[in-house]
C-alpha atoms as a PDB file:
ATOM      1  CA  UNK A   1     245.519 137.655 161.344  1.00  0.00           C
ATOM      2  CA  UNK A   2     245.621 133.978 160.390  1.00  0.00           C
ATOM      3  CA  UNK A   3     243.115 133.207 163.159  1.00  0.00           C
ATOM      4  CA  UNK A   4     240.760 135.822 161.717  1.00  0.00           C
ATOM      5  CA  UNK A   5     241.024 134.309 158.234  1.00  0.00           C
ATOM      6  CA  UNK A   6     240.372 130.805 159.584  1.00  0.00           C
ATOM      7  CA  UNK A   7     237.448 132.058 161.650  1.00  0.00           C
ATOM      8  CA  UNK A   8     236.055 133.908 158.608  1.00  0.00           C
ATOM      9  CA  UNK A   9     236.440 130.795 156.409  1.00  0.00           C
ATOM     10  CA  UNK A  10     234.777 128.681 159.091  1.00  0.00           C
ATOM     11  CA  UNK A  11     231.814 131.069 159.462  1.00  0.00           C
ATOM     12  CA  UNK A  12     231.503 131.285 155.659  1.00  0.00           C
ATOM     13  CA  UNK A  13     231.539 127.472 155.493  1.00  0.00           C
ATOM     14  CA  UNK A  14     228.773 127.290 158.160  1.00  0.00           C
ATOM     15  CA  UNK A  15     226.716 129.898 156.310  1.00  0.00           C
ATOM     16  CA  UNK A  16     226.904 128.013 152.997  1.00  0.00           C
ATOM     17  CA  UNK A  17     226.216 124.709 154.726  1.00  0.00           C
ATOM     18  CA  UNK A  18     223.111 126.208 156.388  1.00  0.00           C
ATOM     19  CA  UNK A  19     222.021 127.711 153.073  1.00  0.00           C
ATOM     20  CA  UNK A  20     222.471 124.366 151.310  1.00  0.00           C
ATOM     21  CA  UNK A  21     220.460 122.538 154.006  1.00  0.00           C
ATOM     22  CA  UNK A  22     217.687 125.160 153.806  1.00  0.00           C
ATOM     23  CA  UNK A  23     217.507 124.824 150.005  1.00  0.00           C
ATOM     24  CA  UNK A  24     217.405 121.022 150.279  1.00  0.00           C
ATOM     25  CA  UNK A  25     214.599 121.118 152.880  1.00  0.00           C
ATOM     26  CA  UNK A  26     212.595 123.589 150.738  1.00  0.00           C
ATOM     27  CA  UNK A  27     213.090 121.400 147.665  1.00  0.00           C
ATOM     28  CA  UNK A  28     211.864 118.330 149.557  1.00  0.00           C
ATOM     29  CA  UNK A  29     208.817 120.246 150.870  1.00  0.00           C
ATOM     30  CA  UNK A  30     208.089 121.473 147.338  1.00  0.00           C
ATOM     31  CA  UNK A  31     208.235 117.926 145.954  1.00  0.00           C
ATOM     32  CA  UNK A  32     205.985 116.647 148.730  1.00  0.00           C
ATOM     33  CA  UNK A  33     203.459 119.424 148.014  1.00  0.00           C
ATOM     34  CA  UNK A  34     203.672 118.630 144.316  1.00  0.00           C
ATOM     35  CA  UNK A  35     203.092 114.895 144.710  1.00  0.00           C
ATOM     36  CA  UNK A  36     200.808 114.775 147.747  1.00  0.00           C
ATOM     37  CA  UNK A  37     198.326 117.570 146.993  1.00  0.00           C
ATOM     38  CA  UNK A  38     196.451 116.345 143.908  1.00  0.00           C
ATOM     39  CA  UNK A  39     192.763 116.950 143.232  1.00  0.00           C
ATOM     40  CA  UNK A  40     191.014 113.586 143.198  1.00  0.00           C
ATOM     41  CA  UNK A  41     187.650 114.606 144.639  1.00  0.00           C
ATOM     42  CA  UNK A  42     185.659 117.844 144.688  1.00  0.00           C
ATOM     43  CA  UNK A  43     182.756 118.372 147.097  1.00  0.00           C
ATOM     44  CA  UNK A  44     180.342 121.166 146.166  1.00  0.00           C
ATOM     45  CA  UNK A  45     177.611 122.338 148.545  1.00  0.00           C
ATOM     46  CA  UNK A  46     175.053 125.135 148.522  1.00  0.00           C
ATOM     47  CA  UNK A  47     174.436 125.104 144.784  1.00  0.00           C
ATOM     48  CA  UNK A  48     170.888 124.903 143.519  1.00  0.00           C
ATOM     49  CA  UNK A  49     171.028 126.837 140.246  1.00  0.00           C
ATOM     50  CA  UNK A  50     174.160 125.237 138.785  1.00  0.00           C
ATOM     51  CA  UNK A  51     175.295 121.637 138.666  1.00  0.00           C
ATOM     52  CA  UNK A  52     178.511 120.434 140.299  1.00  0.00           C
ATOM     53  CA  UNK A  53     180.412 120.272 136.974  1.00  0.00           C
ATOM     54  CA  UNK A  54     179.778 123.964 136.229  1.00  0.00           C
ATOM     55  CA  UNK A  55     181.049 124.994 139.671  1.00  0.00           C
ATOM     56  CA  UNK A  56     184.104 122.720 139.348  1.00  0.00           C
ATOM     57  CA  UNK A  57     184.941 124.164 135.915  1.00  0.00           C
ATOM     58  CA  UNK A  58     184.722 127.707 137.285  1.00  0.00           C
ATOM     59  CA  UNK A  59     187.145 126.913 140.133  1.00  0.00           C
ATOM     60  CA  UNK A  60     189.511 124.484 138.411  1.00  0.00           C
ATOM     61  CA  UNK A  61     190.160 126.762 135.470  1.00  0.00           C
ATOM     62  CA  UNK A  62     193.890 126.745 134.701  1.00  0.00           C
ATOM     63  CA  UNK A  63     196.711 124.314 133.967  1.00  0.00           C
ATOM     64  CA  UNK A  64     197.851 124.103 137.628  1.00  0.00           C
ATOM     65  CA  UNK A  65     194.401 123.306 139.018  1.00  0.00           C
ATOM     66  CA  UNK A  66     195.318 119.628 139.378  1.00  0.00           C
ATOM     67  CA  UNK A  67     197.171 120.629 142.581  1.00  0.00           C
ATOM     68  CA  UNK A  68     194.767 121.065 145.497  1.00  0.00           C
ATOM     69  CA  UNK A  69     197.173 123.203 147.553  1.00  0.00           C
ATOM     70  CA  UNK A  70     197.640 125.551 144.596  1.00  0.00           C
ATOM     71  CA  UNK A  71     193.870 125.921 144.143  1.00  0.00           C
ATOM     72  CA  UNK A  72     193.357 126.543 147.855  1.00  0.00           C
ATOM     73  CA  UNK A  73     196.092 129.197 148.032  1.00  0.00           C
ATOM     74  CA  UNK A  74     195.021 130.765 144.724  1.00  0.00           C
ATOM     75  CA  UNK A  75     191.538 131.526 146.024  1.00  0.00           C
ATOM     76  CA  UNK A  76     192.857 132.796 149.339  1.00  0.00           C
ATOM     77  CA  UNK A  77     194.540 135.559 147.321  1.00  0.00           C
ATOM     78  CA  UNK A  78     191.954 136.225 144.591  1.00  0.00           C
ATOM     79  CA  UNK A  79     188.222 135.800 144.051  1.00  0.00           C
ATOM     80  CA  UNK A  80     186.682 133.028 142.010  1.00  0.00           C
ATOM     81  CA  UNK A  81     185.355 133.613 138.507  1.00  0.00           C
ATOM     82  CA  UNK A  82     182.089 135.580 138.518  1.00  0.00           C
ATOM     83  CA  UNK A  83     179.082 133.406 137.796  1.00  0.00           C
ATOM     84  CA  UNK A  84     175.607 134.916 137.436  1.00  0.00           C
ATOM     85  CA  UNK A  85     173.341 134.424 140.476  1.00  0.00           C
ATOM     86  CA  UNK A  86     176.245 133.345 142.720  1.00  0.00           C
ATOM     87  CA  UNK A  87     177.319 135.756 145.423  1.00  0.00           C
ATOM     88  CA  UNK A  88     180.536 134.064 146.577  1.00  0.00           C
ATOM     89  CA  UNK A  89     182.301 130.724 146.682  1.00  0.00           C
ATOM     90  CA  UNK A  90     184.750 129.655 149.373  1.00  0.00           C
ATOM     91  CA  UNK A  91     187.322 126.926 148.837  1.00  0.00           C
ATOM     92  CA  UNK A  92     188.802 124.765 151.588  1.00  0.00           C
ATOM     93  CA  UNK A  93     190.809 121.547 151.805  1.00  0.00           C
ATOM     94  CA  UNK A  94     189.129 118.549 153.425  1.00  0.00           C
ATOM     95  CA  UNK A  95     192.243 116.457 152.761  1.00  0.00           C
ATOM     96  CA  UNK A  96     195.240 116.744 150.421  1.00  0.00           C
ATOM     97  CA  UNK A  97     193.100 115.105 147.712  1.00  0.00           C
ATOM     98  CA  UNK A  98     189.693 116.685 148.433  1.00  0.00           C
ATOM     99  CA  UNK A  99     188.620 120.254 147.677  1.00  0.00           C
ATOM    100  CA  UNK A 100     185.480 121.583 149.367  1.00  0.00           C
ATOM    101  CA  UNK A 101     183.619 124.372 147.542  1.00  0.00           C
ATOM    102  CA  UNK A 102     180.872 126.198 149.432  1.00  0.00           C
ATOM    103  CA  UNK A 103     178.568 128.134 147.110  1.00  0.00           C
ATOM    104  CA  UNK A 104     176.544 131.103 148.356  1.00  0.00           C
ATOM    105  CA  UNK A 105     173.854 132.011 145.852  1.00  0.00           C
ATOM    106  CA  UNK A 106     172.271 135.438 145.678  1.00  0.00           C
ATOM    107  CA  UNK A 107     168.975 135.688 147.534  1.00  0.00           C
ATOM    108  CA  UNK A 108     166.441 136.401 144.811  1.00  0.00           C
ATOM    109  CA  UNK A 109     162.863 137.127 145.749  1.00  0.00           C
ATOM    110  CA  UNK A 110     161.525 137.942 142.289  1.00  0.00           C
ATOM    111  CA  UNK A 111     162.294 139.593 138.987  1.00  0.00           C
ATOM    112  CA  UNK A 112     160.871 142.120 136.576  1.00  0.00           C
ATOM    113  CA  UNK A 113     161.493 142.396 132.854  1.00  0.00           C
ATOM    114  CA  UNK A 114     163.269 145.586 131.764  1.00  0.00           C
ATOM    115  CA  UNK A 115     162.569 146.235 128.050  1.00  0.00           C
ATOM    116  CA  UNK A 116     165.235 148.968 127.837  1.00  0.00           C
ATOM    117  CA  UNK A 117     168.032 146.445 128.406  1.00  0.00           C
ATOM    118  CA  UNK A 118     166.081 143.365 127.229  1.00  0.00           C
ATOM    119  CA  UNK A 119     166.907 141.539 130.468  1.00  0.00           C
ATOM    120  CA  UNK A 120     165.333 140.479 133.736  1.00  0.00           C
ATOM    121  CA  UNK A 121     166.248 142.382 136.887  1.00  0.00           C
ATOM    122  CA  UNK A 122     166.350 140.048 139.908  1.00  0.00           C
ATOM    123  CA  UNK A 123     165.789 141.673 143.292  1.00  0.00           C
ATOM    124  CA  UNK A 124     166.249 140.602 146.918  1.00  0.00           C
ATOM    125  CA  UNK A 125     164.022 140.904 149.986  1.00  0.00           C
ATOM    126  CA  UNK A 126     164.919 144.595 150.395  1.00  0.00           C
ATOM    127  CA  UNK A 127     164.206 145.540 146.780  1.00  0.00           C
ATOM    128  CA  UNK A 128     167.855 145.782 145.709  1.00  0.00           C
ATOM    129  CA  UNK A 129     168.758 144.552 142.230  1.00  0.00           C
ATOM    130  CA  UNK A 130     171.161 141.642 142.738  1.00  0.00           C
ATOM    131  CA  UNK A 131     171.483 140.447 139.136  1.00  0.00           C
ATOM    132  CA  UNK A 132     170.435 141.255 135.592  1.00  0.00           C
ATOM    133  CA  UNK A 133     170.240 138.448 133.067  1.00  0.00           C
ATOM    134  CA  UNK A 134     168.348 137.272 130.037  1.00  0.00           C
ATOM    135  CA  UNK A 135     168.005 133.898 131.782  1.00  0.00           C
ATOM    136  CA  UNK A 136     164.982 133.005 133.879  1.00  0.00           C
ATOM    137  CA  UNK A 137     165.565 131.168 137.136  1.00  0.00           C
ATOM    138  CA  UNK A 138     163.033 128.439 137.968  1.00  0.00           C
ATOM    139  CA  UNK A 139     161.101 129.082 141.158  1.00  0.00           C
ATOM    140  CA  UNK A 140     161.659 132.854 141.162  1.00  0.00           C
ATOM    141  CA  UNK A 141     158.370 134.677 140.427  1.00  0.00           C
ATOM    142  CA  UNK A 142     158.104 137.224 137.629  1.00  0.00           C
ATOM    143  CA  UNK A 143     156.319 140.452 138.588  1.00  0.00           C
ATOM    144  CA  UNK A 144     154.328 141.932 135.679  1.00  0.00           C
ATOM    145  CA  UNK A 145     152.781 145.363 135.395  1.00  0.00           C
ATOM    146  CA  UNK A 146     155.797 147.380 136.558  1.00  0.00           C
ATOM    147  CA  UNK A 147     157.571 149.676 134.153  1.00  0.00           C
ATOM    148  CA  UNK A 148     161.223 150.615 134.590  1.00  0.00           C
ATOM    149  CA  UNK A 149     163.449 152.011 131.905  1.00  0.00           C
ATOM    150  CA  UNK A 150     166.683 150.938 133.540  1.00  0.00           C
ATOM    151  CA  UNK A 151     168.052 149.508 136.767  1.00  0.00           C
ATOM    152  CA  UNK A 152     171.409 149.719 138.516  1.00  0.00           C
ATOM    153  CA  UNK A 153     172.975 146.670 140.161  1.00  0.00           C
ATOM    154  CA  UNK A 154     173.008 146.772 143.982  1.00  0.00           C
ATOM    155  CA  UNK A 155     170.594 149.723 144.072  1.00  0.00           C
ATOM    156  CA  UNK A 156     166.865 149.647 144.867  1.00  0.00           C
ATOM    157  CA  UNK A 157     164.365 149.152 142.084  1.00  0.00           C
ATOM    158  CA  UNK A 158     163.484 152.602 140.697  1.00  0.00           C
ATOM    159  CA  UNK A 159     159.763 152.469 141.485  1.00  0.00           C
ATOM    160  CA  UNK A 160     157.562 154.264 143.998  1.00  0.00           C
ATOM    161  CA  UNK A 161     158.282 153.287 147.597  1.00  0.00           C
ATOM    162  CA  UNK A 162     154.675 152.240 148.332  1.00  0.00           C
ATOM    163  CA  UNK A 163     154.561 150.017 145.238  1.00  0.00           C
ATOM    164  CA  UNK A 164     157.947 148.494 146.104  1.00  0.00           C
ATOM    165  CA  UNK A 165     156.747 147.713 149.627  1.00  0.00           C
ATOM    166  CA  UNK A 166     153.629 145.979 148.247  1.00  0.00           C
ATOM    167  CA  UNK A 167     155.683 143.945 145.761  1.00  0.00           C
ATOM    168  CA  UNK A 168     158.135 142.845 148.447  1.00  0.00           C
ATOM    169  CA  UNK A 169     155.342 141.804 150.813  1.00  0.00           C
ATOM    170  CA  UNK A 170     153.594 139.910 148.018  1.00  0.00           C
ATOM    171  CA  UNK A 171     156.701 138.033 146.856  1.00  0.00           C
ATOM    172  CA  UNK A 172     157.754 137.213 150.423  1.00  0.00           C
ATOM    173  CA  UNK A 173     154.255 135.875 151.061  1.00  0.00           C
ATOM    174  CA  UNK A 174     154.448 133.747 147.912  1.00  0.00           C
ATOM    175  CA  UNK A 175     157.803 132.371 148.994  1.00  0.00           C
ATOM    176  CA  UNK A 176     156.518 131.551 152.500  1.00  0.00           C
ATOM    177  CA  UNK A 177     153.441 129.906 151.017  1.00  0.00           C
ATOM    178  CA  UNK A 178     155.593 127.789 148.682  1.00  0.00           C
ATOM    179  CA  UNK A 179     157.778 126.713 151.630  1.00  0.00           C
ATOM    180  CA  UNK A 180     154.713 125.833 153.695  1.00  0.00           C
ATOM    181  CA  UNK A 181     153.347 123.799 150.803  1.00  0.00           C
ATOM    182  CA  UNK A 182     156.636 121.902 150.473  1.00  0.00           C
ATOM    183  CA  UNK A 183     156.742 121.217 154.219  1.00  0.00           C
ATOM    184  CA  UNK A 184     153.137 120.029 154.184  1.00  0.00           C
ATOM    185  CA  UNK A 185     153.897 117.593 151.333  1.00  0.00           C
ATOM    186  CA  UNK A 186     156.966 116.297 153.188  1.00  0.00           C
ATOM    187  CA  UNK A 187     154.986 115.782 156.414  1.00  0.00           C
ATOM    188  CA  UNK A 188     152.252 113.928 154.527  1.00  0.00           C
ATOM    189  CA  UNK A 189     154.823 111.634 152.902  1.00  0.00           C
ATOM    190  CA  UNK A 190     156.430 110.890 156.275  1.00  0.00           C
ATOM    191  CA  UNK A 191     153.093 109.811 157.803  1.00  0.00           C
ATOM    192  CA  UNK A 192     152.223 107.403 155.003  1.00  0.00           C
END
């Protein structure tokens, strides 16, 4: 009976000692994460429509955003703030002090003005509406002469199929021509 009590006390002592060591190790790891992982540099890539500051402000948007590990884990669990014309953003850690934000903008081929909602409906290469906004995006052509009363996001433009096909071919041709023109200018500058 006395042996059992001693054995029980000994195992209880080992349990509490193990628990105390575990708590101490977790506290030390927490302090290291708190002090080591601070945001000192943010690298943003893939953004053309928004400047780096706007993207940073959308990602670093709460009082704990000074901690790079917190920001990284936060956006592993939830999505970033919705920004018009941006499809997704992915956040990674380059180092404990450097956050890397990759921006994936929506592929916009052109837009049409919708008087019923007083906004522009931006569409992609397949004719799907990817964004509606009162803003105009530089470099995205406006298509006039099409009448739509309303559009639904992520659905095709509500116009006749033949007309939609012609519009898509025309805007894709314009985009290719603009790219060819840019490449031609770059080649000419390289040979000077």
